[in-house]
């Protein structure tokens, strides 16, 4: 649970704001019923059930985009209904909703929701004692929304920049090991929950140290960049490539069975063998490949792929070795 909160920003926002709303609204819902204001109590209770349902939906499905949008609409529309039922005291509930909507959905959608909520209250008009109060409320709601928009926009931009710096390898432009750990963990969750099949290929450039020592690190960097470009050109958009460290890369392939995984990796090996070159001649790559087993951990999955890669290096390099899913042994290596 804590892992998902740490890695999914929007889910953490939905959880925090939802929990705050539950704690803040529950006492008022109880108070409405005790005071005999059944309509207001029913409205508050309906909002509470909607918030709880949205939280459950976001956690179960992982769909934080729809969950955040629904929660923003629910909170703002709920505040409008409370203002219409309770009157002037209910207006204060709209202000926190105007702010939080920008953290639950995109700034453009949040702006539309906020405008619709304020206009709805102004058209209804019962919550206001005078036109002056109504227009004063509209002006202050606009100022609050504008400030929240600027803050949310800047926060989202800074978050994207930091995530890019923290998860992208600066040399090759692919995701780094930190991002790989997160994506592999999500793949394991997805496989357990949705029965999605995943394949993993661990790649290592053969004799890369010799290339660096003989021709310099500039040529070595060029070989790494060339490898990444060729892999991205010959894999699907849904496949993800990570730099594991040095000359090692990890390729994550979702939605492939054992047969498809073998076909993809063998084709990739042939392409790299044919087109990868350095000043000293062709550059080859060794592969260790493993399909994800049911209820297997990330560490165990990587360990099997790494063992297969070790066998590929030990048996002559420029080879593909598949980890045997059934017996936990290494499969037959595909030779050079």
Protein backbone atom coordinates (compact mmCIF):
# COMPACT_ATOMS: atom_id res chain seq x y z
CA UNK A 1 0.00 0.00 0.00
CA UNK A 2 2.71 2.47 0.98
CA UNK A 3 4.66 1.61 -2.18
CA UNK A 4 1.72 2.63 -4.37
CA UNK A 5 1.26 5.87 -2.44
CA UNK A 6 4.96 6.69 -2.90
CA UNK A 7 5.03 5.94 -6.63
CA UNK A 8 1.59 7.16 -7.75
CA UNK A 9 1.28 10.91 -7.15
CA UNK A 10 -2.38 11.26 -8.13
CA UNK A 11 -3.42 8.23 -6.08
CA UNK A 12 -1.73 9.76 -3.04
CA UNK A 13 -3.57 13.06 -3.64
CA UNK A 14 -6.92 11.28 -4.05
CA UNK A 15 -6.30 9.30 -0.87
CA UNK A 16 -5.21 12.29 1.20
CA UNK A 17 -7.99 14.59 0.02
CA UNK A 18 -10.60 11.84 0.26
CA UNK A 19 -9.57 10.97 3.81
CA UNK A 20 -9.60 14.66 4.78
CA UNK A 21 -13.06 15.10 3.28
CA UNK A 22 -14.40 12.07 5.15
CA UNK A 23 -13.02 13.33 8.45
CA UNK A 24 -14.30 16.84 7.80
CA UNK A 25 -17.81 16.00 6.52
CA UNK A 26 -18.75 13.13 8.86
CA UNK A 27 -19.26 15.30 11.99
CA UNK A 28 -21.47 17.71 10.04
CA UNK A 29 -23.54 14.87 8.59
CA UNK A 30 -24.17 13.56 12.12
CA UNK A 31 -24.95 17.06 13.38
CA UNK A 32 -27.51 17.65 10.57
CA UNK A 33 -29.46 14.55 11.56
CA UNK A 34 -29.30 15.45 15.26
CA UNK A 35 -30.62 18.94 14.47
CA UNK A 36 -33.46 17.48 12.41
CA UNK A 37 -32.14 18.82 9.09
CA UNK A 38 -32.70 15.52 7.31
CA UNK A 39 -32.22 16.85 3.76
CA UNK A 40 -28.80 18.33 4.53
CA UNK A 41 -27.86 15.16 6.42
CA UNK A 42 -28.83 12.99 3.45
CA UNK A 43 -26.78 15.22 1.11
CA UNK A 44 -23.70 14.99 3.36
CA UNK A 45 -24.14 11.22 3.65
CA UNK A 46 -24.45 10.87 -0.12
CA UNK A 47 -21.24 12.85 -0.57
CA UNK A 48 -19.47 10.60 1.95
CA UNK A 49 -20.59 7.43 0.15
CA UNK A 50 -19.47 8.92 -3.17
CA UNK A 51 -16.02 9.76 -1.77
CA UNK A 52 -15.59 6.28 -0.26
CA UNK A 53 -16.66 4.68 -3.54
CA UNK A 54 -14.22 6.82 -5.52
CA UNK A 55 -11.35 5.92 -3.19
CA UNK A 56 -12.17 2.23 -3.52
CA UNK A 57 -12.39 2.52 -7.32
CA UNK A 58 -9.02 4.30 -7.57
CA UNK A 59 -7.28 1.72 -5.37
CA UNK A 60 -8.83 -1.34 -6.99
CA UNK A 61 -8.55 -0.34 -10.65
CA UNK A 62 -5.57 2.03 -10.49
CA UNK A 63 -7.56 4.43 -12.71
CA UNK A 64 -6.68 7.66 -10.92
CA UNK A 65 -7.57 9.86 -13.89
CA UNK A 66 -11.28 8.98 -13.83
CA UNK A 67 -11.24 8.68 -10.06
CA UNK A 68 -9.76 12.17 -9.64
CA UNK A 69 -12.21 13.66 -12.13
CA UNK A 70 -15.22 12.07 -10.43
CA UNK A 71 -14.03 13.19 -7.00
CA UNK A 72 -13.56 16.78 -8.21
CA UNK A 73 -17.06 16.83 -9.73
CA UNK A 74 -18.55 15.18 -6.64
CA UNK A 75 -16.97 17.61 -4.19
CA UNK A 76 -17.87 20.76 -6.13
CA UNK A 77 -21.42 19.64 -6.96
CA UNK A 78 -21.86 18.49 -3.36
CA UNK A 79 -20.75 21.91 -2.10
CA UNK A 80 -23.25 23.57 -4.46
CA UNK A 81 -26.09 21.38 -3.17
CA UNK A 82 -25.11 22.04 0.45
CA UNK A 83 -25.04 25.78 -0.24
CA UNK A 84 -28.47 25.58 -1.86
CA UNK A 85 -29.93 23.56 1.05
CA UNK A 86 -28.20 25.15 4.05
CA UNK A 87 -27.88 28.67 2.73
CA UNK A 88 -25.09 31.13 3.45
CA UNK A 89 -23.12 28.86 5.90
CA UNK A 90 -22.86 26.26 3.15
CA UNK A 91 -20.97 28.64 0.85
CA UNK A 92 -17.75 28.14 2.80
CA UNK A 93 -17.61 24.47 1.73
CA UNK A 94 -17.04 25.48 -1.87
CA UNK A 95 -13.69 27.20 -1.24
CA UNK A 96 -11.67 24.07 -0.36
CA UNK A 97 -13.37 22.29 -3.26
CA UNK A 98 -12.25 25.02 -5.67
CA UNK A 99 -8.65 24.47 -4.58
CA UNK A 100 -8.58 20.68 -4.45
CA UNK A 101 -10.16 20.24 -7.90
CA UNK A 102 -6.87 21.42 -9.45
CA UNK A 103 -5.01 18.57 -7.74
CA UNK A 104 -7.55 15.92 -8.71
CA UNK A 105 -7.76 16.59 -12.44
CA UNK A 106 -6.15 18.69 -15.18
CA UNK A 107 -6.11 22.50 -14.80
CA UNK A 108 -8.45 23.02 -17.78
CA UNK A 109 -11.06 20.59 -16.52
CA UNK A 110 -10.75 21.93 -12.96
CA UNK A 111 -11.32 25.48 -14.25
CA UNK A 112 -14.50 24.36 -16.03
CA UNK A 113 -15.77 22.53 -12.93
CA UNK A 114 -15.12 25.57 -10.71
CA UNK A 115 -16.84 27.99 -13.08
CA UNK A 116 -19.84 25.67 -13.37
CA UNK A 117 -20.10 25.36 -9.58
CA UNK A 118 -19.98 29.13 -8.96
CA UNK A 119 -22.42 29.89 -11.79
CA UNK A 120 -24.83 27.24 -10.50
CA UNK A 121 -24.87 28.85 -7.04
CA UNK A 122 -25.34 32.31 -8.55
CA UNK A 123 -28.24 31.15 -10.72
CA UNK A 124 -29.92 29.46 -7.77
CA UNK A 125 -29.33 32.57 -5.69
CA UNK A 126 -30.98 31.37 -2.46
CA UNK A 127 -27.67 31.13 -0.58
CA UNK A 128 -27.01 34.86 -0.99
CA UNK A 129 -28.63 37.61 1.05
CA UNK A 130 -27.93 40.31 -1.54
CA UNK A 131 -26.51 40.88 -5.02
CA UNK A 132 -23.46 42.50 -3.43
CA UNK A 133 -22.74 39.35 -1.44
CA UNK A 134 -23.26 37.19 -4.52
CA UNK A 135 -20.81 39.14 -6.67
CA UNK A 136 -18.33 39.39 -3.81
CA UNK A 137 -18.50 35.62 -3.48
CA UNK A 138 -17.97 35.21 -7.24
CA UNK A 139 -14.94 37.53 -7.16
CA UNK A 140 -13.31 35.76 -4.23
CA UNK A 141 -14.01 32.35 -5.81
CA UNK A 142 -12.31 33.56 -8.99
CA UNK A 143 -9.24 34.74 -7.05
CA UNK A 144 -9.01 31.44 -5.16
CA UNK A 145 -9.34 29.44 -8.39
CA UNK A 146 -6.76 31.58 -10.19
CA UNK A 147 -4.22 31.15 -7.39
CA UNK A 148 -4.88 27.42 -7.21
CA UNK A 149 -4.51 27.16 -11.00
CA UNK A 150 -1.11 28.86 -10.98
CA UNK A 151 0.14 26.79 -8.04
CA UNK A 152 -1.13 23.49 -9.46
CA UNK A 153 0.30 24.24 -12.91
CA UNK A 154 3.73 25.13 -11.53
CA UNK A 155 3.70 22.16 -9.17
CA UNK A 156 2.78 19.76 -11.98
CA UNK A 157 5.49 21.20 -14.23
CA UNK A 158 8.15 20.94 -11.54
CA UNK A 159 7.05 17.41 -10.68
CA UNK A 160 7.35 16.32 -14.32
CA UNK A 161 10.81 17.86 -14.56
CA UNK A 162 12.00 16.15 -11.38
CA UNK A 163 10.53 12.82 -12.45
CA UNK A 164 12.30 13.14 -15.79
CA UNK A 165 15.64 13.86 -14.15
CA UNK A 166 15.17 11.06 -11.63
CA UNK A 167 14.05 8.37 -14.04
CA UNK A 168 15.84 9.00 -17.37
CA UNK A 169 19.40 7.96 -18.24
CA UNK A 170 21.05 11.17 -19.54
CA UNK A 171 23.27 9.42 -22.12
CA UNK A 172 20.82 7.13 -23.89
CA UNK A 173 17.51 8.83 -23.06
CA UNK A 174 15.87 5.60 -21.85
CA UNK A 175 14.56 4.98 -18.36
CA UNK A 176 17.10 4.22 -15.64
CA UNK A 177 17.27 1.50 -13.01
CA UNK A 178 15.11 3.39 -10.51
CA UNK A 179 12.33 3.63 -13.04
CA UNK A 180 12.88 -0.01 -13.98
CA UNK A 181 12.30 -1.14 -10.38
CA UNK A 182 8.98 0.71 -10.31
CA UNK A 183 7.80 -0.56 -13.70
CA UNK A 184 8.71 -4.17 -12.96
CA UNK A 185 6.86 -4.00 -9.67
CA UNK A 186 3.81 -2.59 -11.47
CA UNK A 187 4.11 -5.41 -14.02
CA UNK A 188 4.02 -7.97 -11.22
CA UNK A 189 0.93 -6.28 -9.74
CA UNK A 190 -0.73 -6.24 -13.16
CA UNK A 191 0.08 -9.90 -13.81
CA UNK A 192 -1.43 -10.94 -10.47
CA UNK A 193 -4.51 -8.76 -10.86
CA UNK A 194 -5.26 -8.94 -14.61
CA UNK A 195 -3.44 -12.16 -15.60
CA UNK A 196 -1.35 -10.21 -18.11
CA UNK A 197 1.70 -12.06 -19.42
CA UNK A 198 5.10 -10.36 -19.33
CA UNK A 199 8.50 -11.16 -20.77
CA UNK A 200 11.84 -9.74 -19.70
CA UNK A 201 15.10 -9.69 -21.67
CA UNK A 202 18.41 -8.77 -20.05
CA UNK A 203 20.88 -7.54 -22.70
CA UNK A 204 24.64 -7.16 -22.42
CA UNK A 205 26.97 -5.80 -25.13
CA UNK A 206 29.75 -8.31 -25.75
CA UNK A 207 33.33 -7.14 -25.06
CA UNK A 208 32.17 -3.59 -24.33
CA UNK A 209 35.15 -2.90 -22.08
CA UNK A 210 37.46 -3.76 -24.97
CA UNK A 211 35.65 -1.21 -27.14
CA UNK A 212 36.09 1.50 -24.51
CA UNK A 213 39.74 0.63 -23.88
CA UNK A 214 40.65 0.45 -27.57
CA UNK A 215 38.63 3.27 -29.14
CA UNK A 216 37.75 5.48 -26.17
CA UNK A 217 34.63 6.20 -24.20
CA UNK A 218 33.25 8.43 -26.94
CA UNK A 219 32.96 5.44 -29.26
CA UNK A 220 31.54 3.38 -26.39
CA UNK A 221 28.85 6.00 -25.77
CA UNK A 222 28.02 5.99 -29.47
CA UNK A 223 27.60 2.20 -29.41
CA UNK A 224 25.23 2.48 -26.44
CA UNK A 225 23.13 5.14 -28.17
CA UNK A 226 23.06 3.10 -31.38
CA UNK A 227 21.90 0.02 -29.49
CA UNK A 228 19.05 1.94 -27.88
CA UNK A 229 17.96 3.41 -31.22
CA UNK A 230 17.85 0.00 -32.91
CA UNK A 231 15.94 -1.63 -30.08
CA UNK A 232 13.35 1.15 -30.05
CA UNK A 233 12.95 0.89 -33.83
CA UNK A 234 12.35 -2.86 -33.66
CA UNK A 235 10.04 -3.13 -30.64
CA UNK A 236 6.51 -1.99 -29.90
CA UNK A 237 5.58 1.30 -28.27
CA UNK A 238 4.22 -0.64 -25.30
CA UNK A 239 7.62 -2.30 -24.72
CA UNK A 240 9.93 -0.50 -22.30
CA UNK A 241 13.72 -0.33 -22.36
CA UNK A 242 15.79 0.47 -19.26
CA UNK A 243 19.50 0.98 -18.73
CA UNK A 244 20.34 -1.51 -16.01
CA UNK A 245 23.92 -0.37 -15.57
CA UNK A 246 27.00 0.10 -17.74
CA UNK A 247 26.43 -1.83 -20.97
CA UNK A 248 23.48 -3.83 -19.60
CA UNK A 249 19.87 -3.09 -20.54
CA UNK A 250 16.51 -4.56 -19.57
CA UNK A 251 13.66 -4.87 -22.08
CA UNK A 252 10.16 -5.34 -20.61
CA UNK A 253 7.60 -6.80 -23.00
CA UNK A 254 3.95 -6.88 -21.85
CA UNK A 255 1.30 -9.12 -23.37
CA UNK A 256 3.62 -11.73 -24.94
CA UNK A 257 3.51 -15.47 -24.41
CA UNK A 258 6.56 -17.74 -24.56
CA UNK A 259 6.32 -18.24 -28.33
CA UNK A 260 5.96 -14.54 -29.03
CA UNK A 261 8.79 -13.71 -26.67
CA UNK A 262 11.14 -16.09 -28.45
CA UNK A 263 10.23 -14.62 -31.85
CA UNK A 264 10.74 -11.02 -30.70
CA UNK A 265 14.10 -11.64 -29.04
CA UNK A 266 15.52 -13.74 -31.90
CA UNK A 267 14.48 -11.09 -34.42
CA UNK A 268 16.08 -8.41 -32.27
CA UNK A 269 19.29 -10.42 -32.04
CA UNK A 270 19.46 -10.76 -35.83
CA UNK A 271 18.93 -7.02 -36.34
CA UNK A 272 21.63 -6.05 -33.83
CA UNK A 273 24.04 -8.62 -35.22
CA UNK A 274 23.55 -7.25 -38.73
CA UNK A 275 23.62 -3.50 -38.12
CA UNK A 276 25.61 -2.84 -34.91
CA UNK A 277 29.20 -1.77 -35.68
CA UNK A 278 32.16 0.04 -34.17
CA UNK A 279 35.55 0.93 -35.75
CA UNK A 280 36.79 -2.56 -34.94
CA UNK A 281 33.93 -4.33 -36.71
CA UNK A 282 30.52 -5.82 -35.76
CA UNK A 283 29.17 -5.45 -32.23
CA UNK A 284 27.17 -8.34 -30.78
CA UNK A 285 24.82 -8.66 -27.83
CA UNK A 286 24.02 -11.51 -25.43
CA UNK A 287 20.48 -12.07 -24.09
CA UNK A 288 19.06 -13.66 -20.97
CA UNK A 289 15.28 -14.02 -21.27
CA UNK A 290 12.59 -14.98 -18.75
CA UNK A 291 8.79 -14.94 -18.77
CA UNK A 292 7.09 -13.88 -15.55
CA UNK A 293 5.79 -16.80 -13.51
CA UNK A 294 2.53 -16.62 -11.53
CA UNK A 295 3.03 -14.84 -8.18
CA UNK A 296 6.76 -14.44 -8.85
CA UNK A 297 8.63 -11.54 -7.23
CA UNK A 298 10.62 -8.98 -9.18
CA UNK A 299 13.89 -10.15 -7.62
CA UNK A 300 13.24 -13.78 -8.56
CA UNK A 301 12.27 -12.77 -12.10
CA UNK A 302 15.42 -10.71 -12.57
CA UNK A 303 17.56 -13.42 -11.03
CA UNK A 304 16.37 -15.99 -13.56
CA UNK A 305 17.00 -13.61 -16.47
CA UNK A 306 20.44 -12.76 -15.07
CA UNK A 307 21.30 -16.45 -14.74
CA UNK A 308 20.26 -16.97 -18.36
CA UNK A 309 22.44 -14.04 -19.44
CA UNK A 310 25.38 -15.48 -17.50
CA UNK A 311 24.95 -18.76 -19.36
CA UNK A 312 24.85 -16.88 -22.69
CA UNK A 313 28.14 -15.13 -21.86
CA UNK A 314 29.76 -18.33 -20.61
CA UNK A 315 28.80 -20.34 -23.69
CA UNK A 316 30.30 -18.04 -26.29
CA UNK A 317 28.43 -14.70 -26.27
CA UNK A 318 26.21 -13.41 -29.10
CA UNK A 319 23.60 -15.87 -27.87
CA UNK A 320 20.04 -15.93 -26.56
CA UNK A 321 19.33 -18.12 -23.55
CA UNK A 322 15.80 -18.61 -22.22
CA UNK A 323 15.05 -19.45 -18.60
CA UNK A 324 12.84 -22.55 -18.47
CA UNK A 325 9.57 -21.57 -16.77
CA UNK A 326 8.49 -25.05 -15.93
CA UNK A 327 11.55 -26.58 -14.29
CA UNK A 328 13.42 -23.46 -13.16
CA UNK A 329 16.39 -24.51 -15.34
CA UNK A 330 17.99 -22.70 -18.23
CA UNK A 331 16.65 -23.52 -21.66
CA UNK A 332 18.63 -24.31 -24.77
CA UNK A 333 20.75 -21.42 -25.97
CA UNK A 334 20.25 -20.03 -29.43
CA UNK A 335 23.71 -19.86 -30.92
CA UNK A 336 25.55 -17.28 -32.89
